[in-house]
Each structure stands twice: as C-alpha cells, then as structure tokens.
Amino acid sequence: MSGAEFIAATAAILFMAFLAGWFTHWLISRITRVTRSDMDDLDKMAQELHQVEEAHDEATAYFQQREAALTNKLRETEAELEAAMDGLRNARAETEELRAYVERSKQTG
C-alpha cells in the first residue's frame, strides 16, 4: 500500500467515523427532544402542584388552629372538672361534719 492509498483509506475511515458520530448525535437528539406540548404539560403539572401545595398549607394551618382551639377547650373543661370535683369533695366533707354533729346531738340529747 502506497502512502497516497494509506492517506485515502485513513481519510475514508475518519469520514465514516464522523458520519457515524453525527448520525448518533442526530438520533439521540431526535429521541430526547422535548416538544412544546411536553413543556405545556410540565407547566400545567407545576401549576397544579403549586395549587395543591397551597391547599395543603392552608389545611395544615386550619388543623393547627383547630387543634389549638380544642386543646384550649380541653384545658378549660379539665379546670372546670377539677373545680367541680373540689366542690363535691368539700360538700362531702361538710355532709360528714353535719352527720357527725347530728349524731353527737342525738347522743347528748
């Protein structure tokens, strides 16, 4: 093989490699190309996701507020129950004192 034939063969191989690379690049870009409708769908999904996140945040805030209100009401109810139990305890003690007084009065009288 002469020098000219070697150069021509090498040039042909390099040109074929270039064409193969270019074709591969074109094929990959064709397959992975994002269309306008795909972008519109992504924008729509992003907006919907944003709306859902806002609704979630609002629901979370509502339930935290509701939980705080219910916790406050529970504390008030527990305080009222404690006061009622104290009143009942005092009434029972007073009743026992009156019974003891009545019995002492019957025994002396």
C-alpha atoms as a PDB file:
ATOM      1  CA  MET A   1       0.000   0.000   0.000  1.00  0.00           C
ATOM      2  CA  SER A   2       1.419   3.317  -1.005  1.00  0.00           C
ATOM      3  CA  GLY A   3       1.378   6.472   1.048  1.00  0.00           C
ATOM      4  CA  ALA A   4      -1.437   8.014  -1.008  1.00  0.00           C
ATOM      5  CA  GLU A   5      -3.620   4.919  -0.632  1.00  0.00           C
ATOM      6  CA  PHE A   6      -2.943   4.868   3.117  1.00  0.00           C
ATOM      7  CA  ILE A   7      -3.922   8.532   3.439  1.00  0.00           C
ATOM      8  CA  ALA A   8      -7.081   7.946   1.356  1.00  0.00           C
ATOM      9  CA  ALA A   9      -8.032   4.891   3.447  1.00  0.00           C
ATOM     10  CA  THR A  10      -7.411   6.785   6.690  1.00  0.00           C
ATOM     11  CA  ALA A  11      -9.443   9.761   5.423  1.00  0.00           C
ATOM     12  CA  ALA A  12     -12.290   7.422   4.430  1.00  0.00           C
ATOM     13  CA  ILE A  13     -12.264   5.736   7.864  1.00  0.00           C
ATOM     14  CA  LEU A  14     -12.216   9.082   9.658  1.00  0.00           C
ATOM     15  CA  PHE A  15     -15.035  10.381   7.442  1.00  0.00           C
ATOM     16  CA  MET A  16     -17.096   7.248   8.205  1.00  0.00           C
ATOM     17  CA  ALA A  17     -16.424   7.720  11.946  1.00  0.00           C
ATOM     18  CA  PHE A  18     -17.505  11.350  11.633  1.00  0.00           C
ATOM     19  CA  LEU A  19     -20.721  10.321   9.837  1.00  0.00           C
ATOM     20  CA  ALA A  20     -21.428   7.613  12.442  1.00  0.00           C
ATOM     21  CA  GLY A  21     -20.938  10.141  15.278  1.00  0.00           C
ATOM     22  CA  TRP A  22     -23.071  12.739  13.565  1.00  0.00           C
ATOM     23  CA  PHE A  23     -25.846  10.201  12.919  1.00  0.00           C
ATOM     24  CA  THR A  24     -25.716   9.016  16.548  1.00  0.00           C
ATOM     25  CA  HIS A  25     -25.924  12.588  17.810  1.00  0.00           C
ATOM     26  CA  TRP A  26     -28.848  13.320  15.482  1.00  0.00           C
ATOM     27  CA  LEU A  27     -30.643  10.131  16.590  1.00  0.00           C
ATOM     28  CA  ILE A  28     -30.164  10.824  20.304  1.00  0.00           C
ATOM     29  CA  SER A  29     -31.283  14.454  19.974  1.00  0.00           C
ATOM     30  CA  ARG A  30     -34.309  13.303  17.978  1.00  0.00           C
ATOM     31  CA  ILE A  31     -35.277  10.756  20.633  1.00  0.00           C
ATOM     32  CA  THR A  32     -34.739  13.024  23.637  1.00  0.00           C
ATOM     33  CA  ARG A  33     -36.166  16.178  22.075  1.00  0.00           C
ATOM     34  CA  VAL A  34     -38.725  17.938  24.257  1.00  0.00           C
ATOM     35  CA  THR A  35     -41.756  19.126  22.350  1.00  0.00           C
ATOM     36  CA  ARG A  36     -43.818  22.226  23.078  1.00  0.00           C
ATOM     37  CA  SER A  37     -46.759  20.082  24.200  1.00  0.00           C
ATOM     38  CA  ASP A  38     -44.472  18.322  26.681  1.00  0.00           C
ATOM     39  CA  MET A  39     -43.410  21.694  28.070  1.00  0.00           C
ATOM     40  CA  ASP A  40     -47.056  22.799  28.296  1.00  0.00           C
ATOM     41  CA  ASP A  41     -47.884  19.608  30.183  1.00  0.00           C
ATOM     42  CA  LEU A  42     -44.985  20.198  32.560  1.00  0.00           C
ATOM     43  CA  ASP A  43     -46.111  23.792  33.151  1.00  0.00           C
ATOM     44  CA  LYS A  44     -49.660  22.628  33.828  1.00  0.00           C
ATOM     45  CA  MET A  45     -48.451  19.965  36.272  1.00  0.00           C
ATOM     46  CA  ALA A  46     -46.228  22.525  38.013  1.00  0.00           C
ATOM     47  CA  GLN A  47     -49.187  24.886  38.438  1.00  0.00           C
ATOM     48  CA  GLU A  48     -51.386  22.092  39.761  1.00  0.00           C
ATOM     49  CA  LEU A  49     -48.652  21.021  42.157  1.00  0.00           C
ATOM     50  CA  HIS A  50     -48.323  24.593  43.373  1.00  0.00           C
ATOM     51  CA  GLN A  51     -52.085  24.819  43.945  1.00  0.00           C
ATOM     52  CA  VAL A  52     -52.097  21.520  45.808  1.00  0.00           C
ATOM     53  CA  GLU A  53     -49.197  22.657  47.997  1.00  0.00           C
ATOM     54  CA  GLU A  54     -51.062  25.870  48.808  1.00  0.00           C
ATOM     55  CA  ALA A  55     -54.186  23.892  49.685  1.00  0.00           C
ATOM     56  CA  HIS A  56     -52.076  21.587  51.836  1.00  0.00           C
ATOM     57  CA  ASP A  57     -50.548  24.555  53.651  1.00  0.00           C
ATOM     58  CA  GLU A  58     -53.989  26.070  54.223  1.00  0.00           C
ATOM     59  CA  ALA A  59     -55.340  22.760  55.527  1.00  0.00           C
ATOM     60  CA  THR A  60     -52.339  22.364  57.803  1.00  0.00           C
ATOM     61  CA  ALA A  61     -52.798  25.878  59.183  1.00  0.00           C
ATOM     62  CA  TYR A  62     -56.543  25.249  59.700  1.00  0.00           C
ATOM     63  CA  PHE A  63     -55.941  21.995  61.529  1.00  0.00           C
ATOM     64  CA  GLN A  64     -53.231  23.543  63.700  1.00  0.00           C
ATOM     65  CA  GLN A  65     -55.615  26.353  64.598  1.00  0.00           C
ATOM     66  CA  ARG A  66     -58.395  23.863  65.267  1.00  0.00           C
ATOM     67  CA  GLU A  67     -56.088  21.727  67.385  1.00  0.00           C
ATOM     68  CA  ALA A  68     -55.066  24.774  69.431  1.00  0.00           C
ATOM     69  CA  ALA A  69     -58.718  25.712  69.976  1.00  0.00           C
ATOM     70  CA  LEU A  70     -59.635  22.179  71.011  1.00  0.00           C
ATOM     71  CA  THR A  71     -56.633  21.946  73.317  1.00  0.00           C
ATOM     72  CA  ASN A  72     -57.681  25.211  74.943  1.00  0.00           C
ATOM     73  CA  LYS A  73     -61.239  23.972  75.340  1.00  0.00           C
ATOM     74  CA  LEU A  74     -59.954  20.717  76.829  1.00  0.00           C
ATOM     75  CA  ARG A  75     -57.880  22.640  79.370  1.00  0.00           C
ATOM     76  CA  GLU A  76     -60.892  24.762  80.288  1.00  0.00           C
ATOM     77  CA  THR A  77     -63.051  21.665  80.671  1.00  0.00           C
ATOM     78  CA  GLU A  78     -60.404  19.971  82.822  1.00  0.00           C
ATOM     79  CA  ALA A  79     -60.203  23.092  85.008  1.00  0.00           C
ATOM     80  CA  GLU A  80     -63.994  23.123  85.364  1.00  0.00           C
ATOM     81  CA  LEU A  81     -63.967  19.419  86.227  1.00  0.00           C
ATOM     82  CA  GLU A  82     -61.266  19.978  88.823  1.00  0.00           C
ATOM     83  CA  ALA A  83     -63.319  22.823  90.340  1.00  0.00           C
ATOM     84  CA  ALA A  84     -66.431  20.647  90.363  1.00  0.00           C
ATOM     85  CA  MET A  85     -64.519  17.793  91.988  1.00  0.00           C
ATOM     86  CA  ASP A  86     -63.180  20.180  94.652  1.00  0.00           C
ATOM     87  CA  GLY A  87     -66.705  21.444  95.290  1.00  0.00           C
ATOM     88  CA  LEU A  88     -68.002  17.883  95.558  1.00  0.00           C
ATOM     89  CA  ARG A  89     -65.172  16.968  97.932  1.00  0.00           C
ATOM     90  CA  ASN A  90     -65.983  19.984 100.107  1.00  0.00           C
ATOM     91  CA  ALA A  91     -69.699  19.157 100.066  1.00  0.00           C
ATOM     92  CA  ARG A  92     -68.975  15.570 101.126  1.00  0.00           C
ATOM     93  CA  ALA A  93     -66.737  16.773 103.937  1.00  0.00           C
ATOM     94  CA  GLU A  94     -69.415  19.212 105.082  1.00  0.00           C
ATOM     95  CA  THR A  95     -72.040  16.463 104.897  1.00  0.00           C
ATOM     96  CA  GLU A  96     -69.879  14.206 107.046  1.00  0.00           C
ATOM     97  CA  GLU A  97     -69.371  17.017 109.548  1.00  0.00           C
ATOM     98  CA  LEU A  98     -73.145  17.607 109.702  1.00  0.00           C
ATOM     99  CA  ARG A  99     -73.829  13.880 110.175  1.00  0.00           C
ATOM    100  CA  ALA A 100     -71.297  13.730 112.949  1.00  0.00           C
ATOM    101  CA  TYR A 101     -72.840  16.819 114.555  1.00  0.00           C
ATOM    102  CA  VAL A 102     -76.351  15.325 114.288  1.00  0.00           C
ATOM    103  CA  GLU A 103     -75.198  12.046 115.827  1.00  0.00           C
ATOM    104  CA  ARG A 104     -73.449  13.858 118.665  1.00  0.00           C
ATOM    105  CA  SER A 105     -76.597  15.895 119.223  1.00  0.00           C
ATOM    106  CA  LYS A 106     -78.715  12.724 119.367  1.00  0.00           C
ATOM    107  CA  GLN A 107     -76.363  11.082 121.840  1.00  0.00           C
ATOM    108  CA  THR A 108     -76.307  14.057 124.168  1.00  0.00           C
ATOM    109  CA  GLY A 109     -79.938  14.903 123.836  1.00  0.00           C
END
